[in-house]
């Protein structure tokens, strides 16, 4: 589970992320992000969404989201753990 500071929960920020349309896409995954962070020392916030097109069953969608969160945590530790990393 992501900590409270790592979750993107604010509706206005969530909508702004989609509105800006800065994204990286592949066949299976789209990553939307905001570049203009005011305080670079803050943790990046993220949210994971799995739509009905992926699977109609909520249990499968929740499993995919749990796996994406875990992969994010593992990648985050490797990439951003040091203080001198720029993102």
N, C-alpha and C. Protein backbone atom coordinates (compact mmCIF):
# COMPACT_ATOMS: atom_id res chain seq x y z
N UNK A 1 0.84 -1.18 0.00
CA UNK A 1 0.00 0.00 0.00
C UNK A 1 0.88 1.24 0.00
N UNK A 2 0.49 2.22 -0.76
CA UNK A 2 1.22 3.48 -0.79
C UNK A 2 0.87 4.30 0.45
N UNK A 3 1.82 5.09 0.90
CA UNK A 3 1.55 5.95 2.05
C UNK A 3 0.63 7.09 1.64
N UNK A 4 0.10 7.78 2.62
CA UNK A 4 -0.83 8.87 2.36
C UNK A 4 -0.18 9.97 1.53
N UNK A 5 1.11 10.23 1.77
CA UNK A 5 1.82 11.28 1.04
C UNK A 5 2.12 10.90 -0.40
N UNK A 6 2.09 9.61 -0.72
CA UNK A 6 2.39 9.16 -2.07
C UNK A 6 1.15 9.03 -2.95
N UNK A 7 -0.03 9.02 -2.36
CA UNK A 7 -1.27 8.83 -3.13
C UNK A 7 -1.78 10.13 -3.71
N UNK A 8 -2.23 10.08 -4.93
CA UNK A 8 -2.85 11.22 -5.59
C UNK A 8 -4.34 11.15 -5.32
N UNK A 9 -4.80 11.88 -4.33
CA UNK A 9 -6.19 11.79 -3.90
C UNK A 9 -6.98 13.06 -4.18
N UNK A 10 -6.30 14.18 -4.31
CA UNK A 10 -6.97 15.45 -4.52
C UNK A 10 -7.63 15.46 -5.91
N UNK A 11 -8.93 15.68 -5.96
CA UNK A 11 -9.68 15.63 -7.22
C UNK A 11 -9.18 16.67 -8.22
N UNK A 12 -8.85 17.86 -7.74
CA UNK A 12 -8.39 18.90 -8.67
C UNK A 12 -7.05 18.53 -9.29
N UNK A 13 -6.13 17.99 -8.50
CA UNK A 13 -4.85 17.54 -9.06
C UNK A 13 -5.04 16.37 -10.01
N UNK A 14 -5.95 15.49 -9.66
CA UNK A 14 -6.24 14.33 -10.49
C UNK A 14 -6.76 14.78 -11.86
N UNK A 15 -7.74 15.69 -11.84
CA UNK A 15 -8.30 16.20 -13.09
C UNK A 15 -7.27 17.01 -13.87
N UNK A 16 -6.44 17.76 -13.18
CA UNK A 16 -5.40 18.54 -13.84
C UNK A 16 -4.39 17.64 -14.54
N UNK A 17 -4.10 16.51 -13.95
CA UNK A 17 -3.17 15.55 -14.55
C UNK A 17 -3.71 15.06 -15.89
N UNK A 18 -5.00 14.76 -15.95
CA UNK A 18 -5.60 14.31 -17.21
C UNK A 18 -5.77 15.46 -18.19
N UNK A 19 -6.03 16.65 -17.67
CA UNK A 19 -6.27 17.81 -18.53
C UNK A 19 -5.00 18.24 -19.27
N UNK A 20 -3.85 18.17 -18.60
CA UNK A 20 -2.58 18.57 -19.21
C UNK A 20 -2.15 17.63 -20.33
N UNK A 21 -2.56 16.38 -20.25
CA UNK A 21 -2.30 15.37 -21.28
C UNK A 21 -0.82 15.14 -21.58
N UNK A 22 0.01 15.22 -20.57
CA UNK A 22 1.41 14.81 -20.73
C UNK A 22 1.44 13.33 -20.39
N UNK A 23 1.71 12.50 -21.40
CA UNK A 23 1.64 11.07 -21.13
C UNK A 23 2.65 10.29 -21.95
N UNK A 24 2.93 9.12 -21.43
CA UNK A 24 3.75 8.12 -22.12
C UNK A 24 2.84 6.91 -22.27
N UNK A 25 2.70 6.42 -23.49
CA UNK A 25 1.77 5.31 -23.73
C UNK A 25 2.45 4.13 -24.39
N UNK A 26 2.00 2.96 -24.00
CA UNK A 26 2.34 1.72 -24.67
C UNK A 26 1.01 1.01 -24.96
N UNK A 27 1.10 -0.17 -25.49
CA UNK A 27 -0.11 -0.92 -25.81
C UNK A 27 -0.90 -1.28 -24.55
N UNK A 28 -0.21 -1.55 -23.47
CA UNK A 28 -0.87 -2.02 -22.26
C UNK A 28 -1.02 -0.98 -21.16
N UNK A 29 -0.25 0.12 -21.22
CA UNK A 29 -0.21 1.04 -20.10
C UNK A 29 -0.04 2.47 -20.59
N UNK A 30 -0.73 3.39 -19.94
CA UNK A 30 -0.55 4.82 -20.19
C UNK A 30 -0.17 5.48 -18.88
N UNK A 31 0.85 6.32 -18.92
CA UNK A 31 1.33 7.02 -17.74
C UNK A 31 1.10 8.51 -17.94
N UNK A 32 0.23 9.10 -17.13
CA UNK A 32 -0.04 10.53 -17.16
C UNK A 32 0.76 11.18 -16.04
N UNK A 33 1.34 12.35 -16.31
CA UNK A 33 2.15 12.99 -15.28
C UNK A 33 2.11 14.50 -15.42
N UNK A 34 2.48 15.18 -14.34
CA UNK A 34 2.61 16.63 -14.32
C UNK A 34 4.08 16.97 -14.14
N UNK A 35 4.59 17.82 -15.00
CA UNK A 35 6.00 18.20 -14.91
C UNK A 35 6.24 19.33 -13.93
N UNK A 36 5.32 20.26 -13.85
CA UNK A 36 5.55 21.50 -13.11
C UNK A 36 5.30 21.35 -11.61
N UNK A 37 6.21 20.65 -10.95
CA UNK A 37 6.13 20.51 -9.50
C UNK A 37 6.85 21.68 -8.85
N UNK A 38 6.20 22.32 -7.91
CA UNK A 38 6.78 23.49 -7.26
C UNK A 38 7.88 23.11 -6.28
N UNK A 39 7.66 22.08 -5.50
CA UNK A 39 8.65 21.66 -4.51
C UNK A 39 9.22 20.30 -4.92
N UNK A 40 10.43 20.29 -5.41
CA UNK A 40 11.04 19.07 -5.94
C UNK A 40 11.40 18.08 -4.83
N UNK A 41 11.46 18.54 -3.58
CA UNK A 41 11.81 17.65 -2.47
C UNK A 41 10.64 16.78 -2.02
N UNK A 42 9.42 17.09 -2.46
CA UNK A 42 8.27 16.28 -2.10
C UNK A 42 8.28 14.97 -2.87
N UNK A 43 7.65 13.97 -2.29
CA UNK A 43 7.52 12.69 -2.96
C UNK A 43 6.58 12.81 -4.15
N UNK A 44 6.85 12.09 -5.24
CA UNK A 44 5.90 12.11 -6.35
C UNK A 44 4.62 11.40 -5.94
N UNK A 45 3.49 11.94 -6.36
CA UNK A 45 2.20 11.33 -6.04
C UNK A 45 1.71 10.54 -7.24
N UNK A 46 1.04 9.43 -6.97
CA UNK A 46 0.56 8.61 -8.08
C UNK A 46 -0.77 7.96 -7.72
N UNK A 47 -1.47 7.56 -8.77
CA UNK A 47 -2.72 6.82 -8.64
C UNK A 47 -2.74 5.78 -9.75
N UNK A 48 -3.37 4.67 -9.49
CA UNK A 48 -3.44 3.60 -10.47
C UNK A 48 -4.90 3.33 -10.80
N UNK A 49 -5.21 3.36 -12.09
CA UNK A 49 -6.57 3.14 -12.57
C UNK A 49 -6.54 1.99 -13.57
N UNK A 50 -7.44 1.06 -13.40
CA UNK A 50 -7.59 -0.04 -14.35
C UNK A 50 -9.04 -0.02 -14.80
N UNK A 51 -9.26 0.21 -16.08
CA UNK A 51 -10.61 0.34 -16.62
C UNK A 51 -11.30 -0.98 -16.88
N UNK A 52 -12.58 -0.88 -17.18
CA UNK A 52 -13.39 -2.06 -17.47
C UNK A 52 -12.94 -2.78 -18.74
N UNK A 53 -12.29 -2.06 -19.65
CA UNK A 53 -11.83 -2.69 -20.88
C UNK A 53 -10.76 -3.74 -20.61
N UNK A 54 -10.03 -3.58 -19.52
CA UNK A 54 -8.98 -4.55 -19.18
C UNK A 54 -9.62 -5.86 -18.72
N UNK A 55 -10.55 -5.76 -17.78
CA UNK A 55 -11.26 -6.94 -17.30
C UNK A 55 -12.55 -6.49 -16.64
N UNK A 56 -13.61 -7.19 -16.87
CA UNK A 56 -14.91 -6.82 -16.30
C UNK A 56 -15.01 -7.11 -14.81
N UNK A 57 -14.24 -8.07 -14.34
CA UNK A 57 -14.32 -8.47 -12.93
C UNK A 57 -13.46 -7.55 -12.07
N UNK A 58 -14.07 -7.03 -11.00
CA UNK A 58 -13.35 -6.09 -10.14
C UNK A 58 -12.20 -6.77 -9.40
N UNK A 59 -12.32 -8.05 -9.11
CA UNK A 59 -11.23 -8.74 -8.41
C UNK A 59 -9.97 -8.78 -9.26
N UNK A 60 -10.12 -8.99 -10.56
CA UNK A 60 -8.96 -9.00 -11.46
C UNK A 60 -8.37 -7.60 -11.59
N UNK A 61 -9.24 -6.58 -11.69
CA UNK A 61 -8.74 -5.20 -11.80
C UNK A 61 -8.01 -4.79 -10.53
N UNK A 62 -8.53 -5.18 -9.37
CA UNK A 62 -7.87 -4.86 -8.10
C UNK A 62 -6.53 -5.58 -7.98
N UNK A 63 -6.45 -6.80 -8.47
CA UNK A 63 -5.19 -7.55 -8.47
C UNK A 63 -4.15 -6.83 -9.33
N UNK A 64 -4.57 -6.35 -10.49
CA UNK A 64 -3.66 -5.62 -11.37
C UNK A 64 -3.17 -4.34 -10.69
N UNK A 65 -4.09 -3.62 -10.03
CA UNK A 65 -3.69 -2.39 -9.33
C UNK A 65 -2.72 -2.68 -8.19
N UNK A 66 -2.95 -3.75 -7.44
CA UNK A 66 -2.02 -4.11 -6.35
C UNK A 66 -0.64 -4.43 -6.90
N UNK A 67 -0.59 -5.14 -8.00
CA UNK A 67 0.70 -5.48 -8.60
C UNK A 67 1.40 -4.24 -9.15
N UNK A 68 0.65 -3.31 -9.72
CA UNK A 68 1.27 -2.07 -10.22
C UNK A 68 1.81 -1.23 -9.06
N UNK A 69 1.08 -1.17 -7.96
CA UNK A 69 1.57 -0.43 -6.78
C UNK A 69 2.85 -1.03 -6.25
N UNK A 70 2.91 -2.35 -6.18
CA UNK A 70 4.10 -3.02 -5.68
C UNK A 70 5.28 -2.80 -6.61
N UNK A 71 5.05 -2.87 -7.91
CA UNK A 71 6.12 -2.62 -8.88
C UNK A 71 6.61 -1.18 -8.76
N UNK A 72 5.68 -0.24 -8.56
CA UNK A 72 6.05 1.16 -8.39
C UNK A 72 6.95 1.33 -7.16
N UNK A 73 6.58 0.68 -6.05
CA UNK A 73 7.38 0.80 -4.83
C UNK A 73 8.79 0.25 -5.03
N UNK A 74 8.90 -0.87 -5.72
CA UNK A 74 10.22 -1.46 -5.96
C UNK A 74 11.07 -0.58 -6.88
N UNK A 75 10.46 -0.04 -7.92
CA UNK A 75 11.18 0.83 -8.85
C UNK A 75 11.55 2.14 -8.16
N UNK A 76 10.63 2.68 -7.36
CA UNK A 76 10.89 3.93 -6.66
C UNK A 76 12.09 3.80 -5.73
N UNK A 77 12.18 2.69 -5.01
CA UNK A 77 13.31 2.49 -4.10
C UNK A 77 14.63 2.48 -4.85
N UNK A 78 14.65 1.87 -6.02
CA UNK A 78 15.89 1.80 -6.79
C UNK A 78 16.25 3.15 -7.41
N UNK A 79 15.26 3.86 -7.93
CA UNK A 79 15.54 5.09 -8.69
C UNK A 79 15.68 6.33 -7.82
N UNK A 80 14.82 6.47 -6.81
CA UNK A 80 14.75 7.73 -6.09
C UNK A 80 15.19 7.64 -4.63
N UNK A 81 15.80 6.54 -4.25
CA UNK A 81 16.19 6.38 -2.84
C UNK A 81 17.33 7.32 -2.45
N UNK A 82 18.25 7.58 -3.37
CA UNK A 82 19.37 8.45 -3.02
C UNK A 82 18.92 9.91 -3.07
N UNK A 83 19.55 10.74 -2.27
CA UNK A 83 19.18 12.15 -2.20
C UNK A 83 19.59 12.94 -3.43
N UNK A 84 20.58 12.47 -4.17
CA UNK A 84 21.08 13.23 -5.31
C UNK A 84 20.39 12.85 -6.62
N UNK A 85 19.30 12.09 -6.57
CA UNK A 85 18.57 11.73 -7.79
C UNK A 85 17.68 12.88 -8.22
N UNK A 86 17.69 13.19 -9.49
CA UNK A 86 16.84 14.24 -10.04
C UNK A 86 15.72 13.61 -10.83
N UNK A 87 14.50 14.05 -10.57
CA UNK A 87 13.36 13.54 -11.34
C UNK A 87 12.48 14.65 -11.78
